[in-house]
Amino acid sequence: MNQENYDLKPLLPGIKVPTLITVGRHDWITPVSASEKIHALIPNSELVIFEKSGHAPQVEEAPKFQQTVRDFLRRAVAKSA
């Protein structure tokens, strides 16, 4: 969403699976506002903002990121059962 000629937004509403969107509060490459737009366009999506991270919350807040992904996957599997 931050590259002018690379716009996939029209395709996002077609995503039919549970989707986890993660972003670091201090991400200057893909800012929170871009992730909020993505979240608004994908049905059944969850947005998690990592307050102490930039572009790599999976590294900068690894334990919290890993727990967030595990929790999301548990919920998604439970819904599909």
N, C-alpha and C. Protein backbone atom coordinates (compact mmCIF):
# COMPACT_ATOMS: atom_id res chain seq x y z
N MET A 1 0.82 -1.19 0.00
CA MET A 1 0.00 0.00 0.00
C MET A 1 0.86 1.26 0.00
N ASN A 2 2.15 1.09 0.20
CA ASN A 2 3.01 2.26 0.21
C ASN A 2 3.81 2.41 -1.09
N GLN A 3 3.49 1.62 -2.11
CA GLN A 3 4.11 1.77 -3.41
C GLN A 3 3.02 2.15 -4.40
N GLU A 4 3.14 3.31 -4.96
CA GLU A 4 2.08 3.90 -5.77
C GLU A 4 1.57 3.00 -6.89
N ASN A 5 2.46 2.29 -7.57
CA ASN A 5 2.06 1.48 -8.72
C ASN A 5 1.79 0.01 -8.36
N TYR A 6 1.69 -0.29 -7.09
CA TYR A 6 1.50 -1.66 -6.63
C TYR A 6 0.29 -1.68 -5.70
N ASP A 7 -0.88 -1.61 -6.27
CA ASP A 7 -2.10 -1.47 -5.49
C ASP A 7 -2.95 -2.72 -5.60
N LEU A 8 -2.97 -3.50 -4.54
CA LEU A 8 -3.76 -4.72 -4.51
C LEU A 8 -5.05 -4.55 -3.70
N LYS A 9 -5.34 -3.33 -3.28
CA LYS A 9 -6.52 -3.09 -2.45
C LYS A 9 -7.81 -3.65 -3.05
N PRO A 10 -8.03 -3.56 -4.37
CA PRO A 10 -9.28 -4.09 -4.91
C PRO A 10 -9.46 -5.60 -4.69
N LEU A 11 -8.37 -6.32 -4.49
CA LEU A 11 -8.45 -7.77 -4.29
C LEU A 11 -8.72 -8.17 -2.85
N LEU A 12 -8.45 -7.28 -1.91
CA LEU A 12 -8.52 -7.64 -0.50
C LEU A 12 -9.90 -8.09 -0.03
N PRO A 13 -10.99 -7.48 -0.47
CA PRO A 13 -12.30 -7.95 -0.02
C PRO A 13 -12.60 -9.40 -0.43
N GLY A 14 -11.86 -9.93 -1.37
CA GLY A 14 -12.07 -11.30 -1.82
C GLY A 14 -11.41 -12.35 -0.93
N ILE A 15 -10.63 -11.92 0.03
CA ILE A 15 -9.98 -12.87 0.94
C ILE A 15 -11.05 -13.43 1.87
N LYS A 16 -11.18 -14.74 1.89
CA LYS A 16 -12.26 -15.39 2.63
C LYS A 16 -11.79 -16.16 3.86
N VAL A 17 -10.52 -16.16 4.13
CA VAL A 17 -10.00 -16.89 5.29
C VAL A 17 -9.67 -15.91 6.41
N PRO A 18 -9.68 -16.38 7.66
CA PRO A 18 -9.27 -15.51 8.76
C PRO A 18 -7.87 -14.97 8.50
N THR A 19 -7.69 -13.69 8.73
CA THR A 19 -6.43 -13.03 8.39
C THR A 19 -5.93 -12.22 9.57
N LEU A 20 -4.67 -12.42 9.93
CA LEU A 20 -4.03 -11.65 10.99
C LEU A 20 -3.13 -10.62 10.35
N ILE A 21 -3.35 -9.37 10.69
CA ILE A 21 -2.54 -8.26 10.18
C ILE A 21 -1.75 -7.72 11.36
N THR A 22 -0.43 -7.69 11.23
CA THR A 22 0.41 -7.18 12.30
C THR A 22 1.21 -6.00 11.79
N VAL A 23 1.44 -5.05 12.69
CA VAL A 23 2.21 -3.87 12.32
C VAL A 23 2.86 -3.30 13.57
N GLY A 24 4.05 -2.74 13.39
CA GLY A 24 4.70 -2.04 14.49
C GLY A 24 4.25 -0.59 14.53
N ARG A 25 4.02 -0.09 15.72
CA ARG A 25 3.58 1.29 15.90
C ARG A 25 4.53 2.29 15.22
N HIS A 26 5.81 1.98 15.18
CA HIS A 26 6.82 2.91 14.67
C HIS A 26 7.34 2.50 13.29
N ASP A 27 6.55 1.75 12.55
CA ASP A 27 6.93 1.29 11.21
C ASP A 27 6.80 2.45 10.22
N TRP A 28 7.90 2.89 9.68
CA TRP A 28 7.89 4.00 8.71
C TRP A 28 7.82 3.47 7.28
N ILE A 29 8.00 2.17 7.10
CA ILE A 29 7.94 1.58 5.76
C ILE A 29 6.48 1.29 5.39
N THR A 30 5.79 0.59 6.27
CA THR A 30 4.36 0.33 6.11
C THR A 30 3.68 0.84 7.38
N PRO A 31 3.24 2.06 7.38
CA PRO A 31 2.73 2.67 8.61
C PRO A 31 1.41 2.05 9.08
N VAL A 32 1.09 2.32 10.32
CA VAL A 32 -0.15 1.80 10.92
C VAL A 32 -1.35 2.16 10.05
N SER A 33 -1.37 3.35 9.51
CA SER A 33 -2.52 3.77 8.70
C SER A 33 -2.73 2.84 7.50
N ALA A 34 -1.66 2.34 6.91
CA ALA A 34 -1.78 1.40 5.79
C ALA A 34 -2.37 0.07 6.27
N SER A 35 -1.92 -0.38 7.42
CA SER A 35 -2.45 -1.63 7.97
C SER A 35 -3.91 -1.49 8.36
N GLU A 36 -4.29 -0.33 8.84
CA GLU A 36 -5.70 -0.08 9.17
C GLU A 36 -6.57 -0.14 7.91
N LYS A 37 -6.06 0.38 6.80
CA LYS A 37 -6.80 0.30 5.54
C LYS A 37 -6.94 -1.15 5.08
N ILE A 38 -5.87 -1.90 5.19
CA ILE A 38 -5.90 -3.32 4.82
C ILE A 38 -6.93 -4.05 5.68
N HIS A 39 -6.88 -3.81 6.96
CA HIS A 39 -7.81 -4.44 7.91
C HIS A 39 -9.26 -4.11 7.56
N ALA A 40 -9.52 -2.88 7.20
CA ALA A 40 -10.88 -2.47 6.85
C ALA A 40 -11.39 -3.17 5.59
N LEU A 41 -10.48 -3.56 4.72
CA LEU A 41 -10.87 -4.16 3.44
C LEU A 41 -10.97 -5.69 3.46
N ILE A 42 -10.37 -6.32 4.46
CA ILE A 42 -10.39 -7.78 4.52
C ILE A 42 -11.43 -8.23 5.54
N PRO A 43 -12.48 -8.87 5.07
CA PRO A 43 -13.48 -9.38 6.01
C PRO A 43 -12.84 -10.40 6.95
N ASN A 44 -13.30 -10.46 8.17
CA ASN A 44 -12.83 -11.46 9.13
C ASN A 44 -11.34 -11.31 9.42
N SER A 45 -10.83 -10.08 9.39
CA SER A 45 -9.42 -9.87 9.71
C SER A 45 -9.28 -9.30 11.12
N GLU A 46 -8.10 -9.51 11.67
CA GLU A 46 -7.75 -8.94 12.96
C GLU A 46 -6.50 -8.10 12.76
N LEU A 47 -6.46 -6.95 13.41
CA LEU A 47 -5.29 -6.07 13.36
C LEU A 47 -4.68 -6.00 14.74
N VAL A 48 -3.38 -6.27 14.82
CA VAL A 48 -2.65 -6.17 16.07
C VAL A 48 -1.50 -5.19 15.85
N ILE A 49 -1.46 -4.17 16.68
CA ILE A 49 -0.40 -3.16 16.62
C ILE A 49 0.58 -3.43 17.75
N PHE A 50 1.83 -3.60 17.41
CA PHE A 50 2.89 -3.82 18.39
C PHE A 50 3.50 -2.47 18.74
N GLU A 51 3.26 -2.06 19.97
CA GLU A 51 3.56 -0.70 20.40
C GLU A 51 5.05 -0.38 20.48
N LYS A 52 5.90 -1.38 20.63
CA LYS A 52 7.34 -1.15 20.82
C LYS A 52 8.15 -1.52 19.58
N SER A 53 7.49 -1.65 18.44
CA SER A 53 8.18 -2.15 17.24
C SER A 53 8.12 -1.16 16.09
N GLY A 54 9.08 -1.37 15.18
CA GLY A 54 9.08 -0.69 13.90
C GLY A 54 8.56 -1.67 12.85
N HIS A 55 9.38 -1.93 11.83
CA HIS A 55 8.96 -2.77 10.71
C HIS A 55 9.06 -4.27 10.98
N ALA A 56 9.63 -4.66 12.11
CA ALA A 56 9.85 -6.09 12.35
C ALA A 56 9.40 -6.53 13.74
N PRO A 57 8.11 -6.45 14.03
CA PRO A 57 7.66 -6.89 15.36
C PRO A 57 7.97 -8.36 15.64
N GLN A 58 8.09 -9.16 14.59
CA GLN A 58 8.43 -10.57 14.79
C GLN A 58 9.82 -10.73 15.38
N VAL A 59 10.66 -9.71 15.27
CA VAL A 59 11.99 -9.71 15.87
C VAL A 59 12.02 -8.81 17.10
N GLU A 60 11.46 -7.62 16.97
CA GLU A 60 11.54 -6.61 18.03
C GLU A 60 10.70 -6.96 19.26
N GLU A 61 9.62 -7.66 19.07
CA GLU A 61 8.77 -8.12 20.18
C GLU A 61 8.44 -9.59 19.97
N ALA A 62 9.50 -10.38 19.76
CA ALA A 62 9.33 -11.78 19.35
C ALA A 62 8.40 -12.58 20.26
N PRO A 63 8.57 -12.59 21.58
CA PRO A 63 7.67 -13.41 22.40
C PRO A 63 6.20 -13.00 22.27
N LYS A 64 5.94 -11.71 22.28
CA LYS A 64 4.56 -11.24 22.14
C LYS A 64 4.01 -11.56 20.75
N PHE A 65 4.84 -11.40 19.73
CA PHE A 65 4.43 -11.71 18.36
C PHE A 65 4.07 -13.19 18.24
N GLN A 66 4.95 -14.05 18.75
CA GLN A 66 4.71 -15.49 18.67
C GLN A 66 3.42 -15.88 19.39
N GLN A 67 3.18 -15.30 20.57
CA GLN A 67 1.96 -15.60 21.31
C GLN A 67 0.73 -15.11 20.55
N THR A 68 0.85 -13.94 19.93
CA THR A 68 -0.25 -13.39 19.14
C THR A 68 -0.61 -14.32 17.99
N VAL A 69 0.39 -14.83 17.30
CA VAL A 69 0.15 -15.74 16.18
C VAL A 69 -0.46 -17.05 16.68
N ARG A 70 0.09 -17.60 17.77
CA ARG A 70 -0.47 -18.84 18.33
C ARG A 70 -1.94 -18.66 18.70
N ASP A 71 -2.25 -17.55 19.39
CA ASP A 71 -3.63 -17.30 19.80
C ASP A 71 -4.55 -17.16 18.59
N PHE A 72 -4.09 -16.45 17.58
CA PHE A 72 -4.88 -16.27 16.37
C PHE A 72 -5.16 -17.62 15.70
N LEU A 73 -4.13 -18.44 15.58
CA LEU A 73 -4.30 -19.75 14.94
C LEU A 73 -5.26 -20.64 15.74
N ARG A 74 -5.17 -20.59 17.06
CA ARG A 74 -6.10 -21.38 17.88
C ARG A 74 -7.54 -20.94 17.62
N ARG A 75 -7.77 -19.63 17.59
CA ARG A 75 -9.13 -19.13 17.34
C ARG A 75 -9.61 -19.52 15.94
N ALA A 76 -8.73 -19.40 14.96
CA ALA A 76 -9.10 -19.72 13.58
C ALA A 76 -9.44 -21.20 13.44
N VAL A 77 -8.65 -22.06 14.06
CA VAL A 77 -8.91 -23.50 13.99
C VAL A 77 -10.21 -23.83 14.71
N ALA A 78 -10.44 -23.22 15.85
CA ALA A 78 -11.67 -23.48 16.61
C ALA A 78 -12.90 -23.07 15.81
N LYS A 79 -12.82 -21.97 15.09
CA LYS A 79 -13.95 -21.51 14.28
C LYS A 79 -14.23 -22.45 13.11
N SER A 80 -13.19 -23.07 12.60
CA SER A 80 -13.36 -23.93 11.42
C SER A 80 -13.79 -25.34 11.78
N ALA A 81 -13.72 -25.67 13.05
CA ALA A 81 -14.06 -27.05 13.48
C ALA A 81 -15.56 -27.28 13.53
